Amino acid sequence: MSICGPETSVANNKSARKRIEIAERNRLHNRSYVSALRTLMKRCFTACENYGSEPGEPGKKAVKESLNAAFSKIDKAVKVGALHRNAGAHQKSRLSAAVKKAIDPAPAAKA
């Protein structure tokens, strides 16, 4: 379903119609990047939860691999303009904090 399709266009000249078509094309392209990014982030958070419940070398490896994949996708999304660089930095910060919390949990407070 297209909101800005040619049949619903309110553009009055050729250049305005072209801008609408290009914006729609870019929106669909960016949507695929952002969707893949969300999937990789969810995988990383899930890997962190799994490692927290069952610590071990395979779990740690899964966490690091999922983190690397997510970081790579974030960097690519920023590079092509699908994601603002500050938003990318924010997502990377969230992932890093989750991984750090899972792998190096804070020691329990002594009573």
Protein backbone atom coordinates (compact mmCIF):
# COMPACT_ATOMS: atom_id res chain seq x y z
CA MET A 1 0.00 0.00 0.00
CA SER A 2 1.52 3.25 -1.10
CA ILE A 3 0.53 6.53 0.50
CA CYS A 4 2.29 8.67 -2.08
CA GLY A 5 1.62 6.70 -5.22
CA PRO A 6 1.18 8.38 -8.59
CA GLU A 7 -2.61 8.06 -8.35
CA THR A 8 -2.77 9.99 -5.04
CA SER A 9 -0.17 12.58 -6.02
CA VAL A 10 -0.99 16.24 -5.55
CA ALA A 11 2.02 17.38 -7.55
CA ASN A 12 1.34 19.89 -10.30
CA ASN A 13 4.51 19.62 -12.35
CA LYS A 14 6.94 16.99 -13.57
CA SER A 15 9.74 17.76 -11.11
CA ALA A 16 7.39 17.57 -8.12
CA ARG A 17 6.02 14.22 -9.33
CA LYS A 18 9.57 12.94 -9.74
CA ARG A 19 10.50 14.03 -6.20
CA ILE A 20 7.49 12.09 -4.86
CA GLU A 21 8.55 8.97 -6.78
CA ILE A 22 12.16 9.27 -5.58
CA ALA A 23 11.07 9.83 -1.98
CA GLU A 24 8.91 6.69 -2.12
CA ARG A 25 11.74 4.66 -3.64
CA ASN A 26 14.15 5.85 -0.94
CA ARG A 27 11.59 5.18 1.80
CA LEU A 28 11.25 1.55 0.71
CA HIS A 29 15.03 1.14 0.47
CA ASN A 30 15.59 2.67 3.91
CA ARG A 31 12.80 0.55 5.39
CA SER A 32 14.65 -2.63 4.44
CA TYR A 33 17.82 -1.38 6.15
CA VAL A 34 15.99 -0.39 9.32
CA SER A 35 14.04 -3.65 9.42
CA ALA A 36 17.21 -5.73 9.12
CA LEU A 37 18.83 -3.54 11.77
CA ARG A 38 16.00 -4.13 14.22
CA THR A 39 16.21 -7.88 13.63
CA LEU A 40 19.95 -7.95 14.32
CA MET A 41 19.51 -5.85 17.46
CA LYS A 42 16.84 -8.21 18.76
CA ARG A 43 19.14 -11.16 18.10
CA CYS A 44 21.90 -9.46 20.07
CA PHE A 45 19.61 -8.71 23.03
CA THR A 46 18.31 -12.30 22.95
CA ALA A 47 21.87 -13.65 22.88
CA CYS A 48 22.69 -11.48 25.92
CA GLU A 49 19.67 -12.83 27.80
CA ASN A 50 20.58 -16.41 26.90
CA TYR A 51 24.16 -15.87 28.03
CA GLY A 52 22.92 -14.38 31.30
CA SER A 53 20.85 -17.48 32.03
CA GLU A 54 23.48 -19.98 30.81
CA PRO A 55 27.00 -18.51 30.89
CA GLY A 56 29.57 -20.33 28.83
CA GLU A 57 32.05 -19.97 26.02
CA PRO A 58 29.55 -20.77 23.19
CA GLY A 59 27.11 -18.20 24.57
CA LYS A 60 29.81 -15.57 24.84
CA LYS A 61 30.84 -16.26 21.24
CA ALA A 62 27.21 -15.91 20.09
CA VAL A 63 26.90 -12.58 21.91
CA LYS A 64 30.07 -11.19 20.32
CA GLU A 65 29.09 -12.41 16.82
CA SER A 66 25.62 -10.89 17.09
CA LEU A 67 27.12 -7.63 18.38
CA ASN A 68 29.55 -7.47 15.44
CA ALA A 69 26.76 -8.14 12.94
CA ALA A 70 24.55 -5.45 14.47
CA PHE A 71 27.40 -2.90 14.57
CA SER A 72 28.20 -3.59 10.94
CA LYS A 73 24.58 -3.12 9.87
CA ILE A 74 24.27 0.08 11.90
CA ASP A 75 27.40 1.51 10.27
CA LYS A 76 26.12 0.61 6.80
CA ALA A 77 22.70 2.13 7.50
CA VAL A 78 24.36 5.36 8.63
CA LYS A 79 26.63 5.36 5.59
CA VAL A 80 23.77 5.07 3.08
CA GLY A 81 21.65 7.59 4.97
CA ALA A 82 18.94 5.22 6.18
CA LEU A 83 19.74 6.11 9.78
CA HIS A 84 20.99 9.37 11.30
CA ARG A 85 24.50 9.11 12.71
CA ASN A 86 23.38 10.11 16.21
CA ALA A 87 20.62 7.49 16.11
CA GLY A 88 23.23 4.95 15.03
CA ALA A 89 25.50 5.94 17.89
CA HIS A 90 22.58 5.65 20.30
CA GLN A 91 21.74 2.12 19.08
CA LYS A 92 25.38 1.05 19.33
CA SER A 93 25.54 2.44 22.85
CA ARG A 94 22.44 0.46 23.86
CA LEU A 95 23.90 -2.73 22.42
CA SER A 96 27.27 -2.19 24.07
CA ALA A 97 25.66 -1.58 27.45
CA ALA A 98 23.55 -4.74 27.15
CA VAL A 99 26.57 -6.84 26.17
CA LYS A 100 28.70 -5.39 28.96
CA LYS A 101 25.95 -6.06 31.48
CA ALA A 102 25.57 -9.66 30.26
CA ILE A 103 29.27 -10.53 30.02
CA ASP A 104 30.66 -8.51 32.95
CA PRO A 105 27.83 -8.22 35.48
CA ALA A 106 28.38 -5.80 38.34
CA PRO A 107 29.54 -7.52 41.51
CA ALA A 108 26.93 -7.91 44.23
CA ALA A 109 27.02 -5.25 46.93
CA LYS A 110 28.55 -6.46 50.17
CA ALA A 111 26.31 -6.21 53.20
